[in-house]
Amino acid sequence: MSLIDTYQIATCGQNLTNTFTLASNGILVDVFIEDLPSIIFPPGGGGIIPGQEWPPISHVSGSQEEITRKRITVIATIKGIEYKETIIVEDEPNLTVDNVSVDVQATDTKPIITISIKK
């Protein structure tokens, strides 16, 4: 075990105050997490004829189903050019940057940016 924190050396300590990091390979990575409006599904069943809904309204609990959503945007700056990748995550209301893993692989044309969520 080393007493030198290589992560802080690689990021120049920048990750202490925001998510903008400088990786050891010279790629600048910035991560943004934005809240999106929730999707609300009203109670009820299908069917278009009143009284013929399925499942019958009496069997529906009456509660709404709500799905929370967040947008994760990663901007990787390589040789002064910004490349952007965005994903939308559902049902992760407590998502923080600590839960987001980013991998950037530089290629000859456009880099491959992989965003994954650590549970």
C-alpha atoms as a PDB file:
ATOM      1  CA  MET A   1       0.000   0.000   0.000  1.00  0.00           C
ATOM      2  CA  SER A   2       1.357   3.351  -1.030  1.00  0.00           C
ATOM      3  CA  LEU A   3       1.205   6.492   1.077  1.00  0.00           C
ATOM      4  CA  ILE A   4       1.013   8.574  -2.121  1.00  0.00           C
ATOM      5  CA  ASP A   5      -2.507   9.059  -3.406  1.00  0.00           C
ATOM      6  CA  THR A   6      -2.022   8.509  -7.151  1.00  0.00           C
ATOM      7  CA  TYR A   7      -5.638   9.484  -7.884  1.00  0.00           C
ATOM      8  CA  GLN A   8      -5.077  12.979  -6.498  1.00  0.00           C
ATOM      9  CA  ILE A   9      -1.840  13.244  -8.466  1.00  0.00           C
ATOM     10  CA  ALA A  10      -3.567  12.156 -11.690  1.00  0.00           C
ATOM     11  CA  THR A  11      -6.440  14.596 -11.243  1.00  0.00           C
ATOM     12  CA  CYS A  12      -4.271  17.411  -9.850  1.00  0.00           C
ATOM     13  CA  GLY A  13      -6.675  17.540  -6.889  1.00  0.00           C
ATOM     14  CA  GLN A  14      -9.390  18.992  -9.144  1.00  0.00           C
ATOM     15  CA  ASN A  15     -11.972  16.378  -8.199  1.00  0.00           C
ATOM     16  CA  LEU A  16     -12.121  17.724  -4.652  1.00  0.00           C
ATOM     17  CA  THR A  17     -14.446  20.583  -5.616  1.00  0.00           C
ATOM     18  CA  ASN A  18     -16.077  19.566  -8.912  1.00  0.00           C
ATOM     19  CA  THR A  19     -16.253  16.699 -11.353  1.00  0.00           C
ATOM     20  CA  PHE A  20     -13.807  18.111 -13.888  1.00  0.00           C
ATOM     21  CA  THR A  21     -10.837  15.780 -13.909  1.00  0.00           C
ATOM     22  CA  LEU A  22      -7.596  15.506 -15.810  1.00  0.00           C
ATOM     23  CA  ALA A  23      -6.771  11.889 -16.480  1.00  0.00           C
ATOM     24  CA  SER A  24      -3.174  10.763 -16.668  1.00  0.00           C
ATOM     25  CA  ASN A  25      -3.437  10.315 -20.460  1.00  0.00           C
ATOM     26  CA  GLY A  26      -4.236  14.011 -21.025  1.00  0.00           C
ATOM     27  CA  ILE A  27      -7.984  13.635 -21.557  1.00  0.00           C
ATOM     28  CA  LEU A  28     -10.131  16.172 -19.708  1.00  0.00           C
ATOM     29  CA  VAL A  29     -13.416  14.660 -18.483  1.00  0.00           C
ATOM     30  CA  ASP A  30     -16.398  16.590 -17.114  1.00  0.00           C
ATOM     31  CA  VAL A  31     -19.528  14.861 -15.739  1.00  0.00           C
ATOM     32  CA  PHE A  32     -22.927  16.547 -15.360  1.00  0.00           C
ATOM     33  CA  ILE A  33     -25.984  15.025 -13.674  1.00  0.00           C
ATOM     34  CA  GLU A  34     -29.308  16.760 -14.323  1.00  0.00           C
ATOM     35  CA  ASP A  35     -32.746  15.972 -12.927  1.00  0.00           C
ATOM     36  CA  LEU A  36     -35.408  15.369 -15.560  1.00  0.00           C
ATOM     37  CA  PRO A  37     -39.163  15.555 -14.987  1.00  0.00           C
ATOM     38  CA  SER A  38     -40.559  12.339 -13.547  1.00  0.00           C
ATOM     39  CA  ILE A  39     -42.819  10.135 -15.627  1.00  0.00           C
ATOM     40  CA  ILE A  40     -46.178   9.667 -13.881  1.00  0.00           C
ATOM     41  CA  PHE A  41     -48.474   6.847 -14.903  1.00  0.00           C
ATOM     42  CA  PRO A  42     -52.049   7.497 -13.744  1.00  0.00           C
ATOM     43  CA  PRO A  43     -54.003   4.631 -12.201  1.00  0.00           C
ATOM     44  CA  GLY A  44     -56.495   2.825 -14.333  1.00  0.00           C
ATOM     45  CA  GLY A  45     -56.713   0.202 -16.960  1.00  0.00           C
ATOM     46  CA  GLY A  46     -57.006  -0.067 -20.666  1.00  0.00           C
ATOM     47  CA  GLY A  47     -60.148  -0.037 -22.722  1.00  0.00           C
ATOM     48  CA  ILE A  48     -62.068   2.656 -24.509  1.00  0.00           C
ATOM     49  CA  ILE A  49     -65.640   1.852 -23.494  1.00  0.00           C
ATOM     50  CA  PRO A  50     -66.715   3.307 -20.120  1.00  0.00           C
ATOM     51  CA  GLY A  51     -67.426   0.491 -17.696  1.00  0.00           C
ATOM     52  CA  GLN A  52     -65.387  -1.982 -19.770  1.00  0.00           C
ATOM     53  CA  GLU A  53     -61.903  -0.975 -18.537  1.00  0.00           C
ATOM     54  CA  TRP A  54     -59.416  -3.742 -17.884  1.00  0.00           C
ATOM     55  CA  PRO A  55     -58.504  -4.359 -15.172  1.00  0.00           C
ATOM     56  CA  PRO A  56     -61.707  -3.052 -13.612  1.00  0.00           C
ATOM     57  CA  ILE A  57     -61.233   0.239 -11.754  1.00  0.00           C
ATOM     58  CA  SER A  58     -62.311  -1.439  -8.500  1.00  0.00           C
ATOM     59  CA  HIS A  59     -59.213  -3.677  -8.710  1.00  0.00           C
ATOM     60  CA  VAL A  60     -56.777  -0.817  -9.226  1.00  0.00           C
ATOM     61  CA  SER A  61     -55.114   0.430  -6.057  1.00  0.00           C
ATOM     62  CA  GLY A  62     -55.616   4.062  -7.048  1.00  0.00           C
ATOM     63  CA  SER A  63     -51.988   5.026  -6.589  1.00  0.00           C
ATOM     64  CA  GLN A  64     -49.894   6.553  -9.319  1.00  0.00           C
ATOM     65  CA  GLU A  65     -46.648   5.014 -10.476  1.00  0.00           C
ATOM     66  CA  GLU A  66     -43.795   7.509 -10.749  1.00  0.00           C
ATOM     67  CA  ILE A  67     -40.444   6.944 -12.415  1.00  0.00           C
ATOM     68  CA  THR A  68     -37.615   9.333 -11.576  1.00  0.00           C
ATOM     69  CA  ARG A  69     -35.131  10.152 -14.321  1.00  0.00           C
ATOM     70  CA  LYS A  70     -31.681  11.741 -14.493  1.00  0.00           C
ATOM     71  CA  ARG A  71     -29.549  12.716 -17.474  1.00  0.00           C
ATOM     72  CA  ILE A  72     -25.818  12.004 -17.264  1.00  0.00           C
ATOM     73  CA  THR A  73     -23.684  13.966 -19.697  1.00  0.00           C
ATOM     74  CA  VAL A  74     -19.957  13.380 -20.108  1.00  0.00           C
ATOM     75  CA  ILE A  75     -17.785  15.806 -22.041  1.00  0.00           C
ATOM     76  CA  ALA A  76     -14.298  14.554 -22.906  1.00  0.00           C
ATOM     77  CA  THR A  77     -11.819  17.114 -24.220  1.00  0.00           C
ATOM     78  CA  ILE A  78      -9.027  15.643 -26.316  1.00  0.00           C
ATOM     79  CA  LYS A  79      -6.481  17.956 -27.969  1.00  0.00           C
ATOM     80  CA  GLY A  80      -8.862  20.903 -27.545  1.00  0.00           C
ATOM     81  CA  ILE A  81     -11.860  19.170 -29.164  1.00  0.00           C
ATOM     82  CA  GLU A  82     -14.911  18.371 -27.012  1.00  0.00           C
ATOM     83  CA  TYR A  83     -16.745  15.064 -27.436  1.00  0.00           C
ATOM     84  CA  LYS A  84     -20.079  14.539 -25.698  1.00  0.00           C
ATOM     85  CA  GLU A  85     -21.998  11.418 -24.633  1.00  0.00           C
ATOM     86  CA  THR A  86     -25.351  11.418 -22.794  1.00  0.00           C
ATOM     87  CA  ILE A  87     -27.466   8.711 -21.196  1.00  0.00           C
ATOM     88  CA  ILE A  88     -30.752   8.817 -19.271  1.00  0.00           C
ATOM     89  CA  VAL A  89     -31.063   6.743 -16.101  1.00  0.00           C
ATOM     90  CA  GLU A  90     -34.381   5.761 -14.524  1.00  0.00           C
ATOM     91  CA  ASP A  91     -35.191   4.920 -10.889  1.00  0.00           C
ATOM     92  CA  GLU A  92     -31.914   6.199  -9.409  1.00  0.00           C
ATOM     93  CA  PRO A  93     -33.144   9.109  -7.223  1.00  0.00           C
ATOM     94  CA  ASN A  94     -29.947   9.298  -5.119  1.00  0.00           C
ATOM     95  CA  LEU A  95     -27.504   9.182  -8.037  1.00  0.00           C
ATOM     96  CA  THR A  96     -24.281  11.140  -7.493  1.00  0.00           C
ATOM     97  CA  VAL A  97     -21.014  11.455  -9.373  1.00  0.00           C
ATOM     98  CA  ASP A  98     -19.554   8.814  -7.047  1.00  0.00           C
ATOM     99  CA  ASN A  99     -21.940   6.288  -8.635  1.00  0.00           C
ATOM    100  CA  VAL A 100     -20.925   7.126 -12.211  1.00  0.00           C
ATOM    101  CA  SER A 101     -18.025   5.383 -13.915  1.00  0.00           C
ATOM    102  CA  VAL A 102     -16.615   6.862 -17.123  1.00  0.00           C
ATOM    103  CA  ASP A 103     -14.201   5.229 -19.551  1.00  0.00           C
ATOM    104  CA  VAL A 104     -12.772   7.154 -22.502  1.00  0.00           C
ATOM    105  CA  GLN A 105     -10.863   5.321 -25.201  1.00  0.00           C
ATOM    106  CA  ALA A 106      -9.150   7.578 -27.712  1.00  0.00           C
ATOM    107  CA  THR A 107      -9.344   6.464 -31.346  1.00  0.00           C
ATOM    108  CA  ASP A 108      -8.197   7.984 -34.631  1.00  0.00           C
ATOM    109  CA  THR A 109     -11.581   9.562 -35.347  1.00  0.00           C
ATOM    110  CA  LYS A 110     -14.058   9.901 -32.468  1.00  0.00           C
ATOM    111  CA  PRO A 111     -13.281   8.606 -28.950  1.00  0.00           C
ATOM    112  CA  ILE A 112     -15.419   5.900 -27.395  1.00  0.00           C
ATOM    113  CA  ILE A 113     -17.038   7.219 -24.201  1.00  0.00           C
ATOM    114  CA  THR A 114     -18.597   4.564 -21.960  1.00  0.00           C
ATOM    115  CA  ILE A 115     -20.820   5.628 -19.056  1.00  0.00           C
ATOM    116  CA  SER A 116     -21.850   3.055 -16.460  1.00  0.00           C
ATOM    117  CA  ILE A 117     -23.588   3.196 -13.097  1.00  0.00           C
ATOM    118  CA  LYS A 118     -22.042   1.586 -10.035  1.00  0.00           C
ATOM    119  CA  LYS A 119     -24.663   0.201  -7.671  1.00  0.00           C
END
